[in-house]
Amino acid sequence: MNDRLLRVGGVALTLANILNWVCVAGFAAGLLLSFPFAPAILAMLAAKYPSQPVEPVLVALRVIFLLGVVAGPPLHVILTRLRAMIATTQAGDPFIAANADRLQAVGWALLMIQLLDLAFGLVAWVLASHDIETGGWSPSFGGWFAVLLLFILARVFSVGTRMRDELEMTV
């Protein structure tokens, strides 16, 4: 099947995955560099927040970097599984058991990202409670519904594939 939307989607997913790993490398570099440059970072934080203890802010920054690193593999799973589903659709047979498994893997990966988002929210809340500027945070209710939706769709794909295979054996 030569579908323009699928081709564009496949390219976009591939580029997004490359960007994902660039960001993971950036978060890892930030985390690693936060140790040798801790004195300079603490001095900058102390200048910005003179009435606050800044060591906990540096710890929070490191936790945020770590969350960014840990979010990379689940995002990789999402992007590569969706790309594989596009490939089976382009080949003309998207309703296969492997795609049901891929949807379930995407559901688990998105669940992991949602949990990491909660951890980020906790860090943002702790920082805000100490009058440290943050970009803000709010829970992603849409993300939680998307997790549920993916697990349901994975089940629908699985049952549909099984029914199609049984029908093909009887015909």
C-alpha atoms as a PDB file:
ATOM      1  CA  MET A   1       0.000   0.000   0.000  1.00  0.00           C
ATOM      2  CA  ASN A   2       1.446   3.326  -1.061  1.00  0.00           C
ATOM      3  CA  ASP A   3      -0.192   5.750   1.360  1.00  0.00           C
ATOM      4  CA  ARG A   4       1.332   9.209   1.669  1.00  0.00           C
ATOM      5  CA  LEU A   5       0.182   9.654   5.285  1.00  0.00           C
ATOM      6  CA  LEU A   6       1.856   6.379   6.272  1.00  0.00           C
ATOM      7  CA  ARG A   7       5.096   7.379   4.534  1.00  0.00           C
ATOM      8  CA  VAL A   8       5.125  10.790   6.212  1.00  0.00           C
ATOM      9  CA  GLY A   9       4.217   9.195   9.548  1.00  0.00           C
ATOM     10  CA  GLY A  10       7.034   6.685   9.225  1.00  0.00           C
ATOM     11  CA  VAL A  11       9.577   9.403   8.493  1.00  0.00           C
ATOM     12  CA  ALA A  12       8.244  11.557  11.355  1.00  0.00           C
ATOM     13  CA  LEU A  13       8.506   8.631  13.792  1.00  0.00           C
ATOM     14  CA  THR A  14      12.060   7.887  12.673  1.00  0.00           C
ATOM     15  CA  LEU A  15      13.081  11.536  13.085  1.00  0.00           C
ATOM     16  CA  ALA A  16      11.321  11.720  16.457  1.00  0.00           C
ATOM     17  CA  ASN A  17      13.272   8.678  17.617  1.00  0.00           C
ATOM     18  CA  ILE A  18      16.565  10.278  16.582  1.00  0.00           C
ATOM     19  CA  LEU A  19      15.569  13.443  18.462  1.00  0.00           C
ATOM     20  CA  ASN A  20      14.580  11.286  21.457  1.00  0.00           C
ATOM     21  CA  TRP A  21      18.094   9.832  21.688  1.00  0.00           C
ATOM     22  CA  VAL A  22      19.690  13.266  21.203  1.00  0.00           C
ATOM     23  CA  CYS A  23      17.612  14.495  24.157  1.00  0.00           C
ATOM     24  CA  VAL A  24      18.560  11.446  26.234  1.00  0.00           C
ATOM     25  CA  ALA A  25      22.221  12.205  25.523  1.00  0.00           C
ATOM     26  CA  GLY A  26      21.643  15.808  26.560  1.00  0.00           C
ATOM     27  CA  PHE A  27      19.956  14.802  29.808  1.00  0.00           C
ATOM     28  CA  ALA A  28      22.746  12.308  30.523  1.00  0.00           C
ATOM     29  CA  ALA A  29      25.386  14.950  29.817  1.00  0.00           C
ATOM     30  CA  GLY A  30      23.572  17.423  32.068  1.00  0.00           C
ATOM     31  CA  LEU A  31      23.409  14.858  34.850  1.00  0.00           C
ATOM     32  CA  LEU A  32      27.060  13.887  34.546  1.00  0.00           C
ATOM     33  CA  LEU A  33      28.285  17.488  34.210  1.00  0.00           C
ATOM     34  CA  SER A  34      26.274  18.563  37.248  1.00  0.00           C
ATOM     35  CA  PHE A  35      28.857  16.836  39.441  1.00  0.00           C
ATOM     36  CA  PRO A  36      32.112  18.482  38.367  1.00  0.00           C
ATOM     37  CA  PHE A  37      30.334  21.816  37.861  1.00  0.00           C
ATOM     38  CA  ALA A  38      28.393  21.647  41.144  1.00  0.00           C
ATOM     39  CA  PRO A  39      30.245  24.584  42.750  1.00  0.00           C
ATOM     40  CA  ALA A  40      29.487  26.867  39.798  1.00  0.00           C
ATOM     41  CA  ILE A  41      25.855  25.723  39.628  1.00  0.00           C
ATOM     42  CA  LEU A  42      25.400  26.217  43.365  1.00  0.00           C
ATOM     43  CA  ALA A  43      26.929  29.704  43.135  1.00  0.00           C
ATOM     44  CA  MET A  44      24.509  30.674  40.345  1.00  0.00           C
ATOM     45  CA  LEU A  45      21.557  29.258  42.289  1.00  0.00           C
ATOM     46  CA  ALA A  46      22.659  31.076  45.460  1.00  0.00           C
ATOM     47  CA  ALA A  47      22.792  34.339  43.531  1.00  0.00           C
ATOM     48  CA  LYS A  48      19.289  33.796  42.179  1.00  0.00           C
ATOM     49  CA  TYR A  49      17.787  32.483  45.433  1.00  0.00           C
ATOM     50  CA  PRO A  50      19.795  34.143  48.229  1.00  0.00           C
ATOM     51  CA  SER A  51      17.313  33.246  50.962  1.00  0.00           C
ATOM     52  CA  GLN A  52      16.998  29.555  50.021  1.00  0.00           C
ATOM     53  CA  PRO A  53      19.247  26.567  50.620  1.00  0.00           C
ATOM     54  CA  VAL A  54      20.375  25.678  47.108  1.00  0.00           C
ATOM     55  CA  GLU A  55      21.789  22.174  47.586  1.00  0.00           C
ATOM     56  CA  PRO A  56      18.274  20.629  47.412  1.00  0.00           C
ATOM     57  CA  VAL A  57      17.678  22.523  44.170  1.00  0.00           C
ATOM     58  CA  LEU A  58      20.761  20.919  42.650  1.00  0.00           C
ATOM     59  CA  VAL A  59      19.508  17.505  43.783  1.00  0.00           C
ATOM     60  CA  ALA A  60      16.127  18.239  42.184  1.00  0.00           C
ATOM     61  CA  LEU A  61      17.861  19.288  38.978  1.00  0.00           C
ATOM     62  CA  ARG A  62      19.750  16.003  38.925  1.00  0.00           C
ATOM     63  CA  VAL A  63      16.516  14.076  39.495  1.00  0.00           C
ATOM     64  CA  ILE A  64      14.940  15.898  36.540  1.00  0.00           C
ATOM     65  CA  PHE A  65      17.941  15.000  34.360  1.00  0.00           C
ATOM     66  CA  LEU A  66      17.644  11.382  35.493  1.00  0.00           C
ATOM     67  CA  LEU A  67      13.912  11.327  34.687  1.00  0.00           C
ATOM     68  CA  GLY A  68      14.770  12.602  31.203  1.00  0.00           C
ATOM     69  CA  VAL A  69      17.248   9.768  30.716  1.00  0.00           C
ATOM     70  CA  VAL A  70      14.825   7.142  32.021  1.00  0.00           C
ATOM     71  CA  ALA A  71      12.014   8.425  29.755  1.00  0.00           C
ATOM     72  CA  GLY A  72      14.083   7.757  26.621  1.00  0.00           C
ATOM     73  CA  PRO A  73      13.718   3.970  26.380  1.00  0.00           C
ATOM     74  CA  PRO A  74       9.907   3.926  26.805  1.00  0.00           C
ATOM     75  CA  LEU A  75       9.591   6.652  24.183  1.00  0.00           C
ATOM     76  CA  HIS A  76      11.843   4.583  21.911  1.00  0.00           C
ATOM     77  CA  VAL A  77       9.475   1.633  22.380  1.00  0.00           C
ATOM     78  CA  ILE A  78       6.480   3.776  21.424  1.00  0.00           C
ATOM     79  CA  LEU A  79       8.121   5.237  18.336  1.00  0.00           C
ATOM     80  CA  THR A  80       9.599   1.985  17.021  1.00  0.00           C
ATOM     81  CA  ARG A  81       6.455  -0.083  17.628  1.00  0.00           C
ATOM     82  CA  LEU A  82       4.312   2.484  15.840  1.00  0.00           C
ATOM     83  CA  ARG A  83       6.831   2.506  12.979  1.00  0.00           C
ATOM     84  CA  ALA A  84       6.616  -1.293  12.768  1.00  0.00           C
ATOM     85  CA  MET A  85       2.821  -1.077  12.666  1.00  0.00           C
ATOM     86  CA  ILE A  86       3.061   1.376   9.790  1.00  0.00           C
ATOM     87  CA  ALA A  87       5.318  -1.099   7.968  1.00  0.00           C
ATOM     88  CA  THR A  88       2.777  -3.923   8.325  1.00  0.00           C
ATOM     89  CA  THR A  89       0.023  -1.601   7.120  1.00  0.00           C
ATOM     90  CA  GLN A  90       2.110  -0.603   4.101  1.00  0.00           C
ATOM     91  CA  ALA A  91       2.679  -4.300   3.415  1.00  0.00           C
ATOM     92  CA  GLY A  92      -1.112  -4.762   3.346  1.00  0.00           C
ATOM     93  CA  ASP A  93      -1.672  -6.788   6.506  1.00  0.00           C
ATOM     94  CA  PRO A  94      -1.965  -4.661   9.663  1.00  0.00           C
ATOM     95  CA  PHE A  95      -4.286  -7.033  11.550  1.00  0.00           C
ATOM     96  CA  ILE A  96      -1.690  -9.467  12.826  1.00  0.00           C
ATOM     97  CA  ALA A  97      -0.868 -10.752  16.280  1.00  0.00           C
ATOM     98  CA  ALA A  98       2.447  -8.882  16.271  1.00  0.00           C
ATOM     99  CA  ASN A  99       0.590  -5.565  16.039  1.00  0.00           C
ATOM    100  CA  ALA A 100      -1.580  -6.498  19.010  1.00  0.00           C
ATOM    101  CA  ASP A 101       1.632  -7.166  20.927  1.00  0.00           C
ATOM    102  CA  ARG A 102       3.055  -3.870  19.694  1.00  0.00           C
ATOM    103  CA  LEU A 103       0.001  -1.952  20.877  1.00  0.00           C
ATOM    104  CA  GLN A 104       0.304  -3.572  24.283  1.00  0.00           C
ATOM    105  CA  ALA A 105       4.013  -2.655  24.424  1.00  0.00           C
ATOM    106  CA  VAL A 106       3.089   0.943  23.523  1.00  0.00           C
ATOM    107  CA  GLY A 107       0.522   0.897  26.348  1.00  0.00           C
ATOM    108  CA  TRP A 108       3.112  -0.269  28.884  1.00  0.00           C
ATOM    109  CA  ALA A 109       5.646   2.290  27.628  1.00  0.00           C
ATOM    110  CA  LEU A 110       3.104   5.096  27.852  1.00  0.00           C
ATOM    111  CA  LEU A 111       2.203   3.949  31.366  1.00  0.00           C
ATOM    112  CA  MET A 112       5.893   4.236  32.295  1.00  0.00           C
ATOM    113  CA  ILE A 113       6.022   7.742  30.858  1.00  0.00           C
ATOM    114  CA  GLN A 114       2.904   8.690  32.826  1.00  0.00           C
ATOM    115  CA  LEU A 115       4.531   7.426  36.031  1.00  0.00           C
ATOM    116  CA  LEU A 116       7.699   9.373  35.246  1.00  0.00           C
ATOM    117  CA  ASP A 117       5.510  12.428  34.692  1.00  0.00           C
ATOM    118  CA  LEU A 118       4.072  11.973  38.191  1.00  0.00           C
ATOM    119  CA  ALA A 119       7.611  11.826  39.575  1.00  0.00           C
ATOM    120  CA  PHE A 120       8.441  15.027  37.711  1.00  0.00           C
ATOM    121  CA  GLY A 121       5.295  16.596  39.147  1.00  0.00           C
ATOM    122  CA  LEU A 122       6.446  15.693  42.638  1.00  0.00           C
ATOM    123  CA  VAL A 123       9.834  17.325  42.035  1.00  0.00           C
ATOM    124  CA  ALA A 124       8.146  20.427  40.604  1.00  0.00           C
ATOM    125  CA  TRP A 125       5.811  20.593  43.606  1.00  0.00           C
ATOM    126  CA  VAL A 126       8.724  20.319  46.061  1.00  0.00           C
ATOM    127  CA  LEU A 127      10.611  23.072  44.251  1.00  0.00           C
ATOM    128  CA  ALA A 128       7.552  25.332  44.082  1.00  0.00           C
ATOM    129  CA  SER A 129       6.884  24.786  47.777  1.00  0.00           C
ATOM    130  CA  HIS A 130      10.310  26.337  48.449  1.00  0.00           C
ATOM    131  CA  ASP A 131       9.563  29.326  46.170  1.00  0.00           C
ATOM    132  CA  ILE A 132      11.849  28.035  43.433  1.00  0.00           C
ATOM    133  CA  GLU A 133      10.714  28.949  39.933  1.00  0.00           C
ATOM    134  CA  THR A 134       9.504  26.014  37.870  1.00  0.00           C
ATOM    135  CA  GLY A 135       7.800  25.694  34.547  1.00  0.00           C
ATOM    136  CA  GLY A 136       4.775  24.342  36.363  1.00  0.00           C
ATOM    137  CA  TRP A 137       3.175  20.948  36.120  1.00  0.00           C
ATOM    138  CA  SER A 138      -0.277  19.453  35.880  1.00  0.00           C
ATOM    139  CA  PRO A 139      -1.299  15.813  35.529  1.00  0.00           C
ATOM    140  CA  SER A 140      -1.978  14.540  32.039  1.00  0.00           C
ATOM    141  CA  PHE A 141      -5.445  13.062  32.259  1.00  0.00           C
ATOM    142  CA  GLY A 142      -5.396  12.533  28.506  1.00  0.00           C
ATOM    143  CA  GLY A 143      -2.234  10.479  28.885  1.00  0.00           C
ATOM    144  CA  TRP A 144      -3.881   8.212  31.456  1.00  0.00           C
ATOM    145  CA  PHE A 145      -6.898   7.707  29.189  1.00  0.00           C
ATOM    146  CA  ALA A 146      -4.527   6.997  26.285  1.00  0.00           C
ATOM    147  CA  VAL A 147      -2.928   4.198  28.343  1.00  0.00           C
ATOM    148  CA  LEU A 148      -6.356   2.647  28.893  1.00  0.00           C
ATOM    149  CA  LEU A 149      -7.248   3.124  25.231  1.00  0.00           C
ATOM    150  CA  LEU A 150      -4.053   1.388  24.089  1.00  0.00           C
ATOM    151  CA  PHE A 151      -4.640  -1.637  26.296  1.00  0.00           C
ATOM    152  CA  ILE A 152      -8.226  -1.883  25.011  1.00  0.00           C
ATOM    153  CA  LEU A 153      -7.111  -1.548  21.384  1.00  0.00           C
ATOM    154  CA  ALA A 154      -4.423  -4.174  21.935  1.00  0.00           C
ATOM    155  CA  ARG A 155      -7.099  -6.554  23.205  1.00  0.00           C
ATOM    156  CA  VAL A 156      -9.389  -5.729  20.254  1.00  0.00           C
ATOM    157  CA  PHE A 157      -6.512  -6.372  17.823  1.00  0.00           C
ATOM    158  CA  SER A 158      -5.678  -9.649  19.564  1.00  0.00           C
ATOM    159  CA  VAL A 159      -9.260 -10.953  19.527  1.00  0.00           C
ATOM    160  CA  GLY A 160      -9.828  -9.719  15.960  1.00  0.00           C
ATOM    161  CA  THR A 161      -6.650 -11.369  14.734  1.00  0.00           C
ATOM    162  CA  ARG A 162      -7.571 -14.638  16.416  1.00  0.00           C
ATOM    163  CA  MET A 163     -11.067 -14.514  14.896  1.00  0.00           C
ATOM    164  CA  ARG A 164      -9.647 -13.797  11.418  1.00  0.00           C
ATOM    165  CA  ASP A 165      -7.169 -16.682  11.737  1.00  0.00           C
ATOM    166  CA  GLU A 166      -9.957 -19.060  12.816  1.00  0.00           C
ATOM    167  CA  LEU A 167     -12.120 -17.904   9.902  1.00  0.00           C
ATOM    168  CA  GLU A 168      -9.288 -18.483   7.423  1.00  0.00           C
ATOM    169  CA  MET A 169      -8.858 -22.048   8.718  1.00  0.00           C
ATOM    170  CA  THR A 170     -12.549 -22.842   8.216  1.00  0.00           C
ATOM    171  CA  VAL A 171     -12.753 -21.469   4.688  1.00  0.00           C
END
